[in-house]
Amino acid sequence: MSLGTILLIVLILMLVGALPNWPHSASWGYFPSGTLGTVLIVVVILMLLGRL
């Protein structure tokens, strides 16, 4: 596995964990998942461009 694939898997898992569906994160709103979603999009674009 390449570093980009591992990073992509970790970011997806963090994005799912940050969704405000669980009681401990209900008061956070969508800020954590929005931030991680933006980072995920940047990583996917870098992977498609061959820079990562």
PDB file of N, CA and C in Angstrom:
ATOM      1  N   MET A   1       0.840  -1.184   0.000  1.00  0.00           N
ATOM      2  CA  MET A   1       0.000   0.000   0.000  1.00  0.00           C
ATOM      3  C   MET A   1       0.881   1.242   0.000  1.00  0.00           C
ATOM      4  N   SER A   2       0.455   2.222  -0.738  1.00  0.00           N
ATOM      5  CA  SER A   2       1.217   3.467  -0.772  1.00  0.00           C
ATOM      6  C   SER A   2       0.786   4.373   0.379  1.00  0.00           C
ATOM      7  N   LEU A   3       1.579   5.377   0.628  1.00  0.00           N
ATOM      8  CA  LEU A   3       1.290   6.326   1.708  1.00  0.00           C
ATOM      9  C   LEU A   3      -0.013   7.069   1.446  1.00  0.00           C
ATOM     10  N   GLY A   4      -0.278   7.391   0.190  1.00  0.00           N
ATOM     11  CA  GLY A   4      -1.512   8.099  -0.152  1.00  0.00           C
ATOM     12  C   GLY A   4      -2.752   7.287   0.152  1.00  0.00           C
ATOM     13  N   THR A   5      -2.695   5.982  -0.119  1.00  0.00           N
ATOM     14  CA  THR A   5      -3.839   5.113   0.161  1.00  0.00           C
ATOM     15  C   THR A   5      -4.081   5.001   1.657  1.00  0.00           C
ATOM     16  N   ILE A   6      -3.021   4.838   2.420  1.00  0.00           N
ATOM     17  CA  ILE A   6      -3.162   4.764   3.874  1.00  0.00           C
ATOM     18  C   ILE A   6      -3.714   6.066   4.430  1.00  0.00           C
ATOM     19  N   LEU A   7      -3.216   7.193   3.930  1.00  0.00           N
ATOM     20  CA  LEU A   7      -3.712   8.494   4.377  1.00  0.00           C
ATOM     21  C   LEU A   7      -5.183   8.672   4.029  1.00  0.00           C
ATOM     22  N   LEU A   8      -5.577   8.226   2.850  1.00  0.00           N
ATOM     23  CA  LEU A   8      -6.977   8.320   2.439  1.00  0.00           C
ATOM     24  C   LEU A   8      -7.881   7.491   3.342  1.00  0.00           C
ATOM     25  N   ILE A   9      -7.469   6.282   3.681  1.00  0.00           N
ATOM     26  CA  ILE A   9      -8.262   5.425   4.563  1.00  0.00           C
ATOM     27  C   ILE A   9      -8.384   6.045   5.950  1.00  0.00           C
ATOM     28  N   VAL A  10      -7.283   6.559   6.482  1.00  0.00           N
ATOM     29  CA  VAL A  10      -7.319   7.187   7.813  1.00  0.00           C
ATOM     30  C   VAL A  10      -8.241   8.406   7.811  1.00  0.00           C
ATOM     31  N   LEU A  11      -8.180   9.235   6.758  1.00  0.00           N
ATOM     32  CA  LEU A  11      -9.032  10.421   6.691  1.00  0.00           C
ATOM     33  C   LEU A  11     -10.507  10.047   6.587  1.00  0.00           C
ATOM     34  N   ILE A  12     -10.826   9.007   5.841  1.00  0.00           N
ATOM     35  CA  ILE A  12     -12.225   8.570   5.742  1.00  0.00           C
ATOM     36  C   ILE A  12     -12.725   8.085   7.093  1.00  0.00           C
ATOM     37  N   LEU A  13     -11.910   7.318   7.815  1.00  0.00           N
ATOM     38  CA  LEU A  13     -12.311   6.849   9.140  1.00  0.00           C
ATOM     39  C   LEU A  13     -12.493   8.014  10.119  1.00  0.00           C
ATOM     40  N   MET A  14     -11.611   9.014  10.037  1.00  0.00           N
ATOM     41  CA  MET A  14     -11.754  10.185  10.901  1.00  0.00           C
ATOM     42  C   MET A  14     -13.010  10.978  10.546  1.00  0.00           C
ATOM     43  N   LEU A  15     -13.343  11.048   9.259  1.00  0.00           N
ATOM     44  CA  LEU A  15     -14.543  11.761   8.829  1.00  0.00           C
ATOM     45  C   LEU A  15     -15.794  11.088   9.363  1.00  0.00           C
ATOM     46  N   VAL A  16     -15.848   9.769   9.302  1.00  0.00           N
ATOM     47  CA  VAL A  16     -17.000   9.038   9.837  1.00  0.00           C
ATOM     48  C   VAL A  16     -17.085   9.202  11.352  1.00  0.00           C
ATOM     49  N   GLY A  17     -15.949   9.179  12.028  1.00  0.00           N
ATOM     50  CA  GLY A  17     -15.937   9.341  13.478  1.00  0.00           C
ATOM     51  C   GLY A  17     -16.320  10.734  13.936  1.00  0.00           C
ATOM     52  N   ALA A  18     -16.171  11.741  13.070  1.00  0.00           N
ATOM     53  CA  ALA A  18     -16.473  13.122  13.451  1.00  0.00           C
ATOM     54  C   ALA A  18     -17.909  13.524  13.147  1.00  0.00           C
ATOM     55  N   LEU A  19     -18.671  12.666  12.493  1.00  0.00           N
ATOM     56  CA  LEU A  19     -20.072  13.011  12.219  1.00  0.00           C
ATOM     57  C   LEU A  19     -20.837  13.149  13.527  1.00  0.00           C
ATOM     58  N   PRO A  20     -21.735  14.109  13.614  1.00  0.00           N
ATOM     59  CA  PRO A  20     -22.437  14.360  14.884  1.00  0.00           C
ATOM     60  C   PRO A  20     -23.580  13.396  15.148  1.00  0.00           C
ATOM     61  N   ASN A  21     -23.361  12.113  14.944  1.00  0.00           N
ATOM     62  CA  ASN A  21     -24.399  11.110  15.204  1.00  0.00           C
ATOM     63  C   ASN A  21     -24.281  10.497  16.588  1.00  0.00           C
ATOM     64  N   TRP A  22     -23.114  10.585  17.187  1.00  0.00           N
ATOM     65  CA  TRP A  22     -22.883   9.967  18.467  1.00  0.00           C
ATOM     66  C   TRP A  22     -23.085  11.001  19.576  1.00  0.00           C
ATOM     67  N   PRO A  23     -23.502  10.554  20.759  1.00  0.00           N
ATOM     68  CA  PRO A  23     -23.795  11.506  21.850  1.00  0.00           C
ATOM     69  C   PRO A  23     -22.615  12.395  22.243  1.00  0.00           C
ATOM     70  N   HIS A  24     -21.402  11.877  22.180  1.00  0.00           N
ATOM     71  CA  HIS A  24     -20.254  12.685  22.613  1.00  0.00           C
ATOM     72  C   HIS A  24     -19.934  13.814  21.634  1.00  0.00           C
ATOM     73  N   SER A  25     -20.426  13.722  20.394  1.00  0.00           N
ATOM     74  CA  SER A  25     -20.099  14.755  19.417  1.00  0.00           C
ATOM     75  C   SER A  25     -21.319  15.525  18.924  1.00  0.00           C
ATOM     76  N   ALA A  26     -22.454  15.352  19.570  1.00  0.00           N
ATOM     77  CA  ALA A  26     -23.685  16.006  19.100  1.00  0.00           C
ATOM     78  C   ALA A  26     -23.609  17.522  19.233  1.00  0.00           C
ATOM     79  N   SER A  27     -22.905  18.017  20.226  1.00  0.00           N
ATOM     80  CA  SER A  27     -22.844  19.467  20.427  1.00  0.00           C
ATOM     81  C   SER A  27     -21.789  20.140  19.551  1.00  0.00           C
ATOM     82  N   TRP A  28     -20.973  19.370  18.853  1.00  0.00           N
ATOM     83  CA  TRP A  28     -19.929  19.946  18.016  1.00  0.00           C
ATOM     84  C   TRP A  28     -20.472  20.524  16.720  1.00  0.00           C
ATOM     85  N   GLY A  29     -21.599  20.035  16.267  1.00  0.00           N
ATOM     86  CA  GLY A  29     -22.129  20.463  14.977  1.00  0.00           C
ATOM     87  C   GLY A  29     -21.369  19.797  13.849  1.00  0.00           C
ATOM     88  N   TYR A  30     -21.367  20.431  12.684  1.00  0.00           N
ATOM     89  CA  TYR A  30     -20.716  19.840  11.523  1.00  0.00           C
ATOM     90  C   TYR A  30     -19.307  20.371  11.296  1.00  0.00           C
ATOM     91  N   PHE A  31     -18.766  21.147  12.216  1.00  0.00           N
ATOM     92  CA  PHE A  31     -17.431  21.721  12.027  1.00  0.00           C
ATOM     93  C   PHE A  31     -16.338  20.666  11.855  1.00  0.00           C
ATOM     94  N   PRO A  32     -16.234  19.653  12.737  1.00  0.00           N
ATOM     95  CA  PRO A  32     -15.154  18.672  12.562  1.00  0.00           C
ATOM     96  C   PRO A  32     -15.268  17.883  11.259  1.00  0.00           C
ATOM     97  N   SER A  33     -16.472  17.448  10.920  1.00  0.00           N
ATOM     98  CA  SER A  33     -16.614  16.662   9.697  1.00  0.00           C
ATOM     99  C   SER A  33     -16.432  17.540   8.458  1.00  0.00           C
ATOM    100  N   GLY A  34     -16.789  18.812   8.546  1.00  0.00           N
ATOM    101  CA  GLY A  34     -16.568  19.714   7.416  1.00  0.00           C
ATOM    102  C   GLY A  34     -15.100  19.968   7.179  1.00  0.00           C
ATOM    103  N   THR A  35     -14.356  20.133   8.257  1.00  0.00           N
ATOM    104  CA  THR A  35     -12.916  20.341   8.144  1.00  0.00           C
ATOM    105  C   THR A  35     -12.231  19.093   7.593  1.00  0.00           C
ATOM    106  N   LEU A  36     -12.584  17.930   8.137  1.00  0.00           N
ATOM    107  CA  LEU A  36     -11.985  16.700   7.650  1.00  0.00           C
ATOM    108  C   LEU A  36     -12.416  16.402   6.219  1.00  0.00           C
ATOM    109  N   GLY A  37     -13.635  16.767   5.860  1.00  0.00           N
ATOM    110  CA  GLY A  37     -14.093  16.589   4.485  1.00  0.00           C
ATOM    111  C   GLY A  37     -13.289  17.434   3.513  1.00  0.00           C
ATOM    112  N   THR A  38     -12.970  18.649   3.914  1.00  0.00           N
ATOM    113  CA  THR A  38     -12.149  19.514   3.072  1.00  0.00           C
ATOM    114  C   THR A  38     -10.747  18.936   2.902  1.00  0.00           C
ATOM    115  N   VAL A  39     -10.169  18.442   3.975  1.00  0.00           N
ATOM    116  CA  VAL A  39      -8.849  17.813   3.896  1.00  0.00           C
ATOM    117  C   VAL A  39      -8.913  16.575   3.010  1.00  0.00           C
ATOM    118  N   LEU A  40      -9.980  15.799   3.116  1.00  0.00           N
ATOM    119  CA  LEU A  40     -10.150  14.609   2.287  1.00  0.00           C
ATOM    120  C   LEU A  40     -10.231  14.963   0.813  1.00  0.00           C
ATOM    121  N   ILE A  41     -10.947  16.005   0.481  1.00  0.00           N
ATOM    122  CA  ILE A  41     -11.054  16.441  -0.919  1.00  0.00           C
ATOM    123  C   ILE A  41      -9.686  16.875  -1.449  1.00  0.00           C
ATOM    124  N   VAL A  42      -8.923  17.599  -0.644  1.00  0.00           N
ATOM    125  CA  VAL A  42      -7.590  18.033  -1.061  1.00  0.00           C
ATOM    126  C   VAL A  42      -6.681  16.822  -1.304  1.00  0.00           C
ATOM    127  N   VAL A  43      -6.738  15.833  -0.421  1.00  0.00           N
ATOM    128  CA  VAL A  43      -5.906  14.636  -0.582  1.00  0.00           C
ATOM    129  C   VAL A  43      -6.301  13.864  -1.838  1.00  0.00           C
ATOM    130  N   VAL A  44      -7.589  13.741  -2.092  1.00  0.00           N
ATOM    131  CA  VAL A  44      -8.046  13.027  -3.294  1.00  0.00           C
ATOM    132  C   VAL A  44      -7.584  13.757  -4.555  1.00  0.00           C
ATOM    133  N   ILE A  45      -7.682  15.082  -4.562  1.00  0.00           N
ATOM    134  CA  ILE A  45      -7.221  15.847  -5.724  1.00  0.00           C
ATOM    135  C   ILE A  45      -5.721  15.675  -5.916  1.00  0.00           C
ATOM    136  N   LEU A  46      -4.951  15.723  -4.832  1.00  0.00           N
ATOM    137  CA  LEU A  46      -3.501  15.510  -4.940  1.00  0.00           C
ATOM    138  C   LEU A  46      -3.169  14.114  -5.446  1.00  0.00           C
ATOM    139  N   MET A  47      -3.945  13.115  -5.007  1.00  0.00           N
ATOM    140  CA  MET A  47      -3.711  11.753  -5.494  1.00  0.00           C
ATOM    141  C   MET A  47      -4.023  11.639  -6.976  1.00  0.00           C
ATOM    142  N   LEU A  48      -5.093  12.298  -7.416  1.00  0.00           N
ATOM    143  CA  LEU A  48      -5.455  12.242  -8.838  1.00  0.00           C
ATOM    144  C   LEU A  48      -4.438  12.968  -9.710  1.00  0.00           C
ATOM    145  N   LEU A  49      -3.823  14.005  -9.177  1.00  0.00           N
ATOM    146  CA  LEU A  49      -2.805  14.732  -9.913  1.00  0.00           C
ATOM    147  C   LEU A  49      -1.441  14.048  -9.853  1.00  0.00           C
ATOM    148  N   GLY A  50      -1.303  13.031  -9.010  1.00  0.00           N
ATOM    149  CA  GLY A  50      -0.049  12.304  -8.912  1.00  0.00           C
ATOM    150  C   GLY A  50       0.983  12.961  -8.032  1.00  0.00           C
ATOM    151  N   ARG A  51       0.575  13.861  -7.183  1.00  0.00           N
ATOM    152  CA  ARG A  51       1.520  14.576  -6.313  1.00  0.00           C
ATOM    153  C   ARG A  51       1.662  13.918  -4.948  1.00  0.00           C
ATOM    154  N   LEU A  52       0.844  12.924  -4.664  1.00  0.00           N
ATOM    155  CA  LEU A  52       0.899  12.272  -3.355  1.00  0.00           C
ATOM    156  C   LEU A  52       0.987  10.780  -3.542  1.00  0.00           C
TER     157      LEU A  52
END
